Amino acid sequence: MSILDHIREFQAELTEWRRDFHAHPELGFEETRTAGLVADRLAAFGCTVHRGLGKTGVVGTLRVGNGDRAIGLRADMDALPMQEANEFAHRSRHDGRMHGCGHDGHTTMLLGAARYLAGTRNFDGTVHFIFQPAEEGLGGADAMIRDGLFELFPCDAVFGLHNRPGLPIGQYAIKPGPMMAGGAFFDITVRGRGAHGARPESSIDPVLTACHIATALQSIVARNVAPMDTAVVSVTQIIGGSAYNVIPPDAVLRGTARSFRPETMQMIETNLRRIAEGVAAGFGAEAEVDFRFQFQPVVNDAAETRFIADIAASLVGEAKVERNCSAVMGSEDFAAMLSLVPGAYIHVGNGVGEGGCEVHNPAYDFNDAALPYGAGMLAGLVERKLARLDRDRGAGS
């Protein structure tokens, strides 16, 4: 029986778990219910369980045989601070919280791989199932690393995955080298002078100033990034004022920057500060900039990329594995783990058409049909990377 067929035998249970996670989303470093369920299930499978790494992270360890090799498999657990628009039975039960990125599915995929491997035990060595908190901009990977992730659970290689809407179910996409961008968040506080909305001549209008700054920031990429390079600067929030007839004394812009090269990110920061401060000064206001580098780029090891792509091809056929996909401007803090341990990060098809809308969308839902393909690939990595050696080879010769 193939790995996929084996996992499909308990797919209904995985689907039930995934939908339960979806209905009970928890934000970064608050994943106590999720972590508790993960830890209990890992223990039931026969794993040794370590709780509380990186505050709410969980690591389950499964050892088989006497092999000294070890592999890490990682999934993220946190939800997003957004309101869900879906109306199905497993929609979020908590206003303002939603699994809008599919981490409920990633967690379930890794639990599915753990269940399969604990049952078949067809490997020789150690696998660490790493359930990470706070991926969505809060530094959960770094928190686990600071708490001794790779000292307590040394790995020869580490692997992660993410669902990809628009990629058909049963297909995979990956590329060697930089695959996902590094990311930064920024806050720009504009300080002006408040006044009555009917007497703007008495003000230094921070809202008007903020709008001009937001427009001017778009010149950073258009006029400073080489055409063969890639970068994004997006203002995602402008906050100011609390009444129709009051010009407030200050306003705040927030947003994100993405790039694949540290030199490009440094250029973005330099120009963002110059533009914000210069435009504000032109309006008689002041601007204070807080620019925070959050994520390193995800850089896949070339050899481990070939390895994980080979595993995917063994499951679904070479035609369904894109080995040199386009890089993605989104960021992923799994990059912190890849900066310390060689490994790779792969996208798993989440389907097209209905139910295939993008992540971070209030109508998003993880596609349960993808569960065996994520779980099966993770399990296949372990069976191939930690393949049993013929220790009796040559005996009696």
Protein backbone atom coordinates (compact mmCIF):
# COMPACT_ATOMS: atom_id res chain seq x y z
CA MET A 1 0.00 0.00 0.00
CA SER A 2 1.35 3.46 -0.90
CA ILE A 3 1.88 6.18 1.67
CA LEU A 4 -0.98 8.21 0.18
CA ASP A 5 -3.39 5.26 0.28
CA HIS A 6 -2.39 4.48 3.85
CA ILE A 7 -3.04 8.06 4.99
CA ARG A 8 -6.33 8.22 3.10
CA GLU A 9 -7.57 5.43 5.38
CA PHE A 10 -7.70 7.94 8.25
CA GLN A 11 -8.33 11.09 6.17
CA ALA A 12 -11.81 11.50 7.66
CA GLU A 13 -10.26 11.81 11.12
CA LEU A 14 -7.66 14.28 9.85
CA THR A 15 -10.44 16.35 8.31
CA GLU A 16 -12.27 16.38 11.64
CA TRP A 17 -9.11 17.56 13.41
CA ARG A 18 -8.44 20.26 10.81
CA ARG A 19 -11.96 21.66 11.02
CA ASP A 20 -11.80 21.69 14.79
CA PHE A 21 -8.57 23.71 14.63
CA HIS A 22 -10.25 26.05 12.14
CA ALA A 23 -13.23 26.61 14.43
CA HIS A 24 -10.97 27.47 17.38
CA PRO A 25 -8.24 29.78 15.99
CA GLU A 26 -5.61 31.18 18.33
CA LEU A 27 -3.22 34.06 17.72
CA GLY A 28 0.56 33.91 18.00
CA PHE A 29 1.94 32.82 21.39
CA GLU A 30 -1.66 32.16 22.53
CA GLU A 31 -2.03 28.70 20.93
CA THR A 32 -2.66 26.91 24.22
CA ARG A 33 -5.65 24.84 23.07
CA THR A 34 -4.03 23.95 19.75
CA ALA A 35 -0.72 23.07 21.39
CA GLY A 36 -2.49 20.96 24.00
CA LEU A 37 -4.33 18.93 21.37
CA VAL A 38 -1.14 18.52 19.33
CA ALA A 39 0.84 17.36 22.37
CA ASP A 40 -1.85 14.92 23.48
CA ARG A 41 -2.09 13.36 20.02
CA LEU A 42 1.67 13.05 19.66
CA ALA A 43 1.84 11.34 23.05
CA ALA A 44 -0.96 8.98 22.01
CA PHE A 45 1.06 8.06 18.90
CA GLY A 46 4.00 7.11 21.15
CA CYS A 47 6.16 10.21 20.70
CA THR A 48 8.20 11.80 23.44
CA VAL A 49 6.65 15.26 23.82
CA HIS A 50 8.30 18.54 24.83
CA ARG A 51 5.88 21.41 25.53
CA GLY A 52 6.43 25.13 25.97
CA LEU A 53 9.35 25.67 23.59
CA GLY A 54 9.06 29.23 22.36
CA LYS A 55 6.22 29.75 24.87
CA THR A 56 3.54 27.64 23.14
CA GLY A 57 5.58 25.50 20.74
CA VAL A 58 5.55 21.70 20.83
CA VAL A 59 8.14 19.18 19.67
CA GLY A 60 7.34 15.49 19.41
CA THR A 61 10.23 13.05 18.97
CA LEU A 62 9.99 9.56 17.50
CA ARG A 63 13.03 7.28 17.55
CA VAL A 64 13.21 4.00 15.67
CA GLY A 65 16.21 1.68 15.54
CA ASN A 66 19.78 2.66 16.33
CA GLY A 67 20.46 5.15 13.55
CA ASP A 68 22.19 8.40 14.53
CA ARG A 69 20.61 10.52 11.81
CA ALA A 70 17.82 13.00 12.61
CA ILE A 71 15.35 15.01 10.56
CA GLY A 72 13.06 17.89 11.55
CA LEU A 73 9.59 18.48 10.13
CA ARG A 74 7.94 21.81 10.94
CA ALA A 75 4.37 23.16 10.84
CA ASP A 76 2.93 26.47 12.06
CA MET A 77 -0.09 26.69 14.40
CA ASP A 78 -1.22 30.33 14.72
CA ALA A 79 -4.18 32.13 13.18
CA LEU A 80 -4.63 35.69 11.93
CA PRO A 81 -6.32 38.68 13.63
CA MET A 82 -9.06 38.99 10.99
CA GLN A 83 -12.80 38.43 10.77
CA GLU A 84 -13.97 35.33 8.90
CA ALA A 85 -16.61 35.78 6.19
CA ASN A 86 -17.43 32.08 5.70
CA GLU A 87 -20.70 30.59 6.94
CA PHE A 88 -19.91 26.84 6.98
CA ALA A 89 -20.25 24.81 10.17
CA HIS A 90 -16.55 24.93 11.07
CA ARG A 91 -16.16 28.72 10.69
CA SER A 92 -14.30 30.54 13.44
CA ARG A 93 -16.16 30.71 16.73
CA HIS A 94 -14.10 33.73 17.81
CA ASP A 95 -14.72 37.19 16.38
CA GLY A 96 -11.59 38.81 15.04
CA ARG A 97 -9.63 35.56 14.76
CA MET A 98 -9.42 33.29 11.73
CA HIS A 99 -7.27 30.58 10.22
CA GLY A 100 -6.92 32.63 7.06
CA CYS A 101 -3.56 31.20 5.99
CA GLY A 102 -4.08 27.45 6.37
CA HIS A 103 -1.97 26.81 9.45
CA ASP A 104 -4.83 24.61 10.66
CA GLY A 105 -4.12 22.43 7.63
CA HIS A 106 -0.35 22.49 8.09
CA THR A 107 -0.70 21.41 11.71
CA THR A 108 -3.01 18.57 10.68
CA MET A 109 -0.68 17.45 7.87
CA LEU A 110 2.21 17.11 10.30
CA LEU A 111 0.01 15.24 12.77
CA GLY A 112 -0.99 12.93 9.91
CA ALA A 113 2.66 12.27 9.09
CA ALA A 114 3.39 11.58 12.76
CA ARG A 115 0.50 9.13 13.01
CA TYR A 116 1.61 7.28 9.87
CA LEU A 117 5.28 7.08 10.90
CA ALA A 118 4.46 5.99 14.44
CA GLY A 119 2.31 3.20 13.03
CA THR A 120 4.62 1.94 10.28
CA ARG A 121 8.00 2.73 11.90
CA ASN A 122 9.65 2.14 8.54
CA PHE A 123 12.81 4.15 9.18
CA ASP A 124 16.00 4.08 11.23
CA GLY A 125 16.82 7.21 13.19
CA THR A 126 15.04 10.14 14.81
CA VAL A 127 12.33 12.46 13.57
CA HIS A 128 11.39 15.65 15.40
CA PHE A 129 7.88 16.97 14.72
CA ILE A 130 8.19 20.74 15.27
CA PHE A 131 4.92 22.63 15.86
CA GLN A 132 5.79 26.32 15.80
CA PRO A 133 3.78 29.17 17.31
CA ALA A 134 3.50 32.76 16.11
CA GLU A 135 4.57 32.55 12.48
CA GLU A 136 2.47 35.57 11.45
CA GLY A 137 4.97 38.31 12.14
CA LEU A 138 5.67 37.63 15.81
CA GLY A 139 8.91 35.64 15.51
CA GLY A 140 7.84 32.19 16.68
CA ALA A 141 10.71 30.45 14.90
CA ASP A 142 13.28 32.68 16.58
CA ALA A 143 11.56 32.11 19.94
CA MET A 144 11.91 28.32 19.57
CA ILE A 145 15.53 28.70 18.46
CA ARG A 146 16.33 30.92 21.47
CA ASP A 147 14.82 28.26 23.71
CA GLY A 148 17.31 25.74 22.32
CA LEU A 149 15.38 24.05 19.51
CA PHE A 150 18.38 22.66 17.67
CA GLU A 151 20.48 22.07 20.80
CA LEU A 152 17.72 19.99 22.38
CA PHE A 153 16.60 18.45 19.09
CA PRO A 154 19.57 18.41 16.69
CA CYS A 155 18.62 17.87 13.05
CA ASP A 156 20.67 16.97 10.01
CA ALA A 157 18.00 18.57 7.83
CA VAL A 158 14.72 20.40 8.38
CA PHE A 159 11.71 20.69 6.09
CA GLY A 160 8.52 22.75 5.96
CA LEU A 161 5.55 23.28 3.67
CA HIS A 162 2.75 25.69 2.87
CA ASN A 163 -0.50 25.30 1.00
CA ARG A 164 -0.74 27.19 -2.30
CA PRO A 165 -4.16 28.28 -3.57
CA GLY A 166 -4.37 28.13 -7.35
CA LEU A 167 -2.06 25.10 -7.57
CA PRO A 168 -4.15 21.98 -8.24
CA ILE A 169 -4.61 19.35 -5.55
CA GLY A 170 -1.92 16.70 -5.85
CA GLN A 171 0.69 19.06 -7.26
CA TYR A 172 3.80 20.63 -5.68
CA ALA A 173 6.02 23.64 -6.41
CA ILE A 174 9.51 24.48 -5.18
CA LYS A 175 12.73 26.14 -6.29
CA PRO A 176 16.35 26.01 -5.09
CA GLY A 177 17.88 29.12 -3.55
CA PRO A 178 15.77 32.13 -2.55
CA MET A 179 12.11 31.05 -2.66
CA MET A 180 10.33 33.56 -0.42
CA ALA A 181 11.22 37.16 0.30
CA GLY A 182 12.64 38.68 3.42
CA GLY A 183 10.19 41.00 5.13
CA ALA A 184 10.03 44.12 7.27
CA PHE A 185 7.21 46.00 8.99
CA PHE A 186 7.15 49.76 9.41
CA ASP A 187 5.25 52.39 11.41
CA ILE A 188 5.39 56.06 10.44
CA THR A 189 3.98 58.45 13.01
CA VAL A 190 3.14 61.87 11.55
CA ARG A 191 2.90 64.68 14.11
CA GLY A 192 1.08 67.85 13.12
CA ARG A 193 -1.27 70.26 14.86
CA GLY A 194 -4.92 69.54 15.48
CA ALA A 195 -7.79 71.92 14.76
CA HIS A 196 -11.49 72.15 14.02
CA GLY A 197 -12.38 70.53 10.71
CA ALA A 198 -13.97 73.80 9.59
CA ARG A 199 -10.76 75.75 10.24
CA PRO A 200 -7.99 73.76 8.49
CA GLU A 201 -5.86 76.91 8.21
CA SER A 202 -5.24 76.57 11.94
CA SER A 203 -3.88 73.04 11.59
CA ILE A 204 -0.87 71.19 10.32
CA ASP A 205 -2.91 68.33 8.89
CA PRO A 206 -1.26 64.97 9.65
CA VAL A 207 -3.88 63.01 7.67
CA LEU A 208 -3.22 64.95 4.48
CA THR A 209 0.52 64.61 5.13
CA ALA A 210 0.18 60.85 5.66
CA CYS A 211 -1.68 60.46 2.37
CA HIS A 212 1.11 62.24 0.48
CA ILE A 213 3.73 60.10 2.22
CA ALA A 214 1.85 56.93 1.23
CA THR A 215 1.82 58.03 -2.41
CA ALA A 216 5.47 59.07 -2.40
CA LEU A 217 6.60 55.75 -0.91
CA GLN A 218 5.54 54.03 -4.13
CA SER A 219 8.47 55.72 -5.86
CA ILE A 220 10.94 53.62 -3.84
CA VAL A 221 10.44 50.49 -5.92
CA ALA A 222 9.54 52.28 -9.16
CA ARG A 223 12.64 54.49 -9.19
CA ASN A 224 15.23 52.82 -6.98
CA VAL A 225 15.01 49.05 -7.55
CA ALA A 226 16.76 47.67 -10.63
CA PRO A 227 14.35 46.05 -13.11
CA MET A 228 16.04 42.67 -12.62
CA ASP A 229 15.69 42.92 -8.84
CA THR A 230 12.37 42.49 -7.01
CA ALA A 231 10.87 44.38 -4.09
CA VAL A 232 7.52 45.46 -2.66
CA VAL A 233 6.56 48.40 -0.43
CA SER A 234 2.92 48.40 0.69
CA VAL A 235 1.14 50.82 3.01
CA THR A 236 -1.60 48.72 4.58
CA GLN A 237 -2.99 51.06 7.25
CA ILE A 238 -3.54 54.81 7.64
CA ILE A 239 -4.92 55.65 11.07
CA GLY A 240 -5.88 59.13 12.18
CA GLY A 241 -8.70 60.99 13.81
CA SER A 242 -11.85 60.02 15.68
CA ALA A 243 -14.50 62.54 14.61
CA TYR A 244 -15.94 64.04 11.41
CA ASN A 245 -15.18 67.62 12.42
CA VAL A 246 -11.78 67.28 14.09
CA ILE A 247 -8.40 67.43 12.37
CA PRO A 248 -6.26 65.24 14.67
CA PRO A 249 -2.81 66.16 15.94
CA ASP A 250 -1.22 63.00 14.57
CA ALA A 251 -1.70 60.07 12.20
CA VAL A 252 0.02 56.72 11.67
CA LEU A 253 0.92 54.78 8.53
CA ARG A 254 1.76 51.09 8.76
CA GLY A 255 2.91 48.65 6.16
CA THR A 256 5.39 46.10 4.95
CA ALA A 257 8.43 45.86 2.70
CA ARG A 258 9.69 42.70 0.97
CA SER A 259 12.87 41.86 -0.92
CA PHE A 260 15.24 38.96 -1.60
CA ARG A 261 18.50 40.83 -1.03
CA PRO A 262 19.63 42.52 2.22
CA GLU A 263 21.12 45.37 0.18
CA THR A 264 17.72 46.04 -1.37
CA MET A 265 16.02 46.01 2.03
CA GLN A 266 18.59 48.47 3.38
CA MET A 267 17.94 50.75 0.40
CA ILE A 268 14.19 50.57 1.07
CA GLU A 269 14.67 51.55 4.70
CA THR A 270 16.97 54.45 3.83
CA ASN A 271 14.62 55.85 1.21
CA LEU A 272 11.51 55.27 3.30
CA ARG A 273 12.98 57.34 6.12
CA ARG A 274 14.13 60.08 3.75
CA ILE A 275 10.77 60.34 1.99
CA ALA A 276 8.65 60.21 5.15
CA GLU A 277 10.71 62.84 6.95
CA GLY A 278 11.08 65.04 3.86
CA VAL A 279 7.42 65.00 2.84
CA ALA A 280 6.34 65.66 6.42
CA ALA A 281 8.72 68.61 6.66
CA GLY A 282 7.29 70.01 3.44
CA PHE A 283 3.86 70.18 5.13
CA GLY A 284 5.29 71.63 8.33
CA ALA A 285 4.86 68.33 10.17
CA GLU A 286 7.30 65.79 11.60
CA ALA A 287 7.59 62.07 10.88
CA GLU A 288 9.02 59.39 13.15
CA VAL A 289 9.85 56.09 11.45
CA ASP A 290 10.10 52.65 13.07
CA PHE A 291 11.40 50.15 10.49
CA ARG A 292 11.69 46.57 11.77
CA PHE A 293 13.32 43.74 9.82
CA GLN A 294 11.11 40.72 10.64
CA PHE A 295 12.03 37.84 8.33
CA GLN A 296 15.05 36.59 6.48
CA PRO A 297 14.48 35.32 2.93
CA VAL A 298 13.62 31.63 2.68
CA VAL A 299 16.65 30.07 1.00
CA ASN A 300 16.33 26.42 0.00
CA ASP A 301 19.42 24.23 0.04
CA ALA A 302 20.00 22.97 -3.51
CA ALA A 303 20.58 19.31 -2.56
CA GLU A 304 17.63 19.19 -0.13
CA THR A 305 15.42 20.87 -2.75
CA ARG A 306 16.19 18.09 -5.21
CA PHE A 307 15.54 15.56 -2.46
CA ILE A 308 12.13 16.89 -1.44
CA ALA A 309 11.11 17.29 -5.10
CA ASP A 310 12.12 13.68 -5.73
CA ILE A 311 9.90 12.56 -2.83
CA ALA A 312 6.98 14.56 -4.21
CA ALA A 313 7.53 13.05 -7.67
CA SER A 314 7.57 9.55 -6.19
CA LEU A 315 4.08 10.22 -4.81
CA VAL A 316 2.36 11.89 -7.77
CA GLY A 317 4.67 11.63 -10.78
CA GLU A 318 7.26 14.02 -12.18
CA ALA A 319 4.72 15.95 -14.29
CA LYS A 320 2.99 17.21 -11.16
CA VAL A 321 6.10 18.66 -9.51
CA GLU A 322 7.32 22.12 -10.53
CA ARG A 323 11.00 22.12 -9.61
CA ASN A 324 11.82 25.75 -10.46
CA CYS A 325 8.72 27.76 -9.63
CA SER A 326 8.57 31.53 -9.43
CA ALA A 327 9.79 33.08 -6.20
CA VAL A 328 7.11 34.42 -3.84
CA MET A 329 7.08 37.92 -2.35
CA GLY A 330 5.41 36.65 0.82
CA SER A 331 7.63 35.93 3.81
CA GLU A 332 7.90 32.97 6.15
CA ASP A 333 9.83 32.81 9.40
CA PHE A 334 10.79 29.19 8.77
CA ALA A 335 13.69 31.04 7.13
CA ALA A 336 15.25 31.36 10.59
CA MET A 337 15.45 27.58 10.89
CA LEU A 338 16.83 27.20 7.36
CA SER A 339 19.57 29.71 8.20
CA LEU A 340 20.89 27.26 10.82
CA VAL A 341 20.10 23.84 9.36
CA PRO A 342 20.06 22.83 5.66
CA GLY A 343 16.64 22.00 4.34
CA ALA A 344 13.87 23.07 2.02
CA TYR A 345 10.37 24.53 1.95
CA ILE A 346 7.76 23.38 -0.56
CA HIS A 347 4.30 24.49 -1.68
CA VAL A 348 1.47 21.94 -1.74
CA GLY A 349 -1.51 22.51 -4.03
CA ASN A 350 -4.63 23.78 -2.27
CA GLY A 351 -6.82 23.66 -5.37
CA VAL A 352 -8.28 25.99 -7.97
CA GLY A 353 -11.70 27.48 -8.54
CA GLU A 354 -14.22 27.36 -5.72
CA GLY A 355 -12.43 27.30 -2.38
CA GLY A 356 -9.16 28.28 -4.03
CA CYS A 357 -9.08 31.94 -3.04
CA GLU A 358 -5.85 33.43 -1.77
CA VAL A 359 -4.65 33.21 1.81
CA HIS A 360 -5.23 36.16 4.16
CA ASN A 361 -8.67 36.49 2.59
CA PRO A 362 -11.78 36.44 4.84
CA ALA A 363 -13.35 33.83 2.53
CA TYR A 364 -10.35 31.47 2.58
CA ASP A 365 -10.55 27.88 3.81
CA PHE A 366 -7.92 25.16 3.70
CA ASN A 367 -8.85 22.40 1.25
CA ASP A 368 -9.09 19.09 3.14
CA ALA A 369 -8.40 17.16 -0.05
CA ALA A 370 -4.79 18.36 0.25
CA LEU A 371 -4.23 16.70 3.63
CA PRO A 372 -2.88 13.35 2.36
CA TYR A 373 -0.49 15.08 -0.05
CA GLY A 374 1.14 17.14 2.69
CA ALA A 375 1.18 14.37 5.27
CA GLY A 376 2.34 11.80 2.72
CA MET A 377 5.19 13.93 1.47
CA LEU A 378 6.44 14.66 5.01
CA ALA A 379 6.28 10.97 5.86
CA GLY A 380 8.06 10.08 2.63
CA LEU A 381 10.89 12.46 3.49
CA VAL A 382 11.52 10.54 6.69
CA GLU A 383 11.34 7.09 5.14
CA ARG A 384 13.79 8.06 2.39
CA LYS A 385 16.14 10.29 4.41
CA LEU A 386 16.27 7.81 7.32
CA ALA A 387 16.05 4.67 5.22
CA ARG A 388 16.93 1.45 7.01
CA LEU A 389 20.43 0.28 6.23
CA ASP A 390 21.12 -3.35 5.45
CA ARG A 391 23.31 -3.93 8.49
CA ASP A 392 23.78 -7.59 7.62
CA ARG A 393 25.16 -6.86 4.16
CA GLY A 394 28.25 -8.91 3.63
CA ALA A 395 27.68 -11.11 6.68
CA GLY A 396 29.26 -14.54 6.32
CA SER A 397 31.48 -13.57 3.43
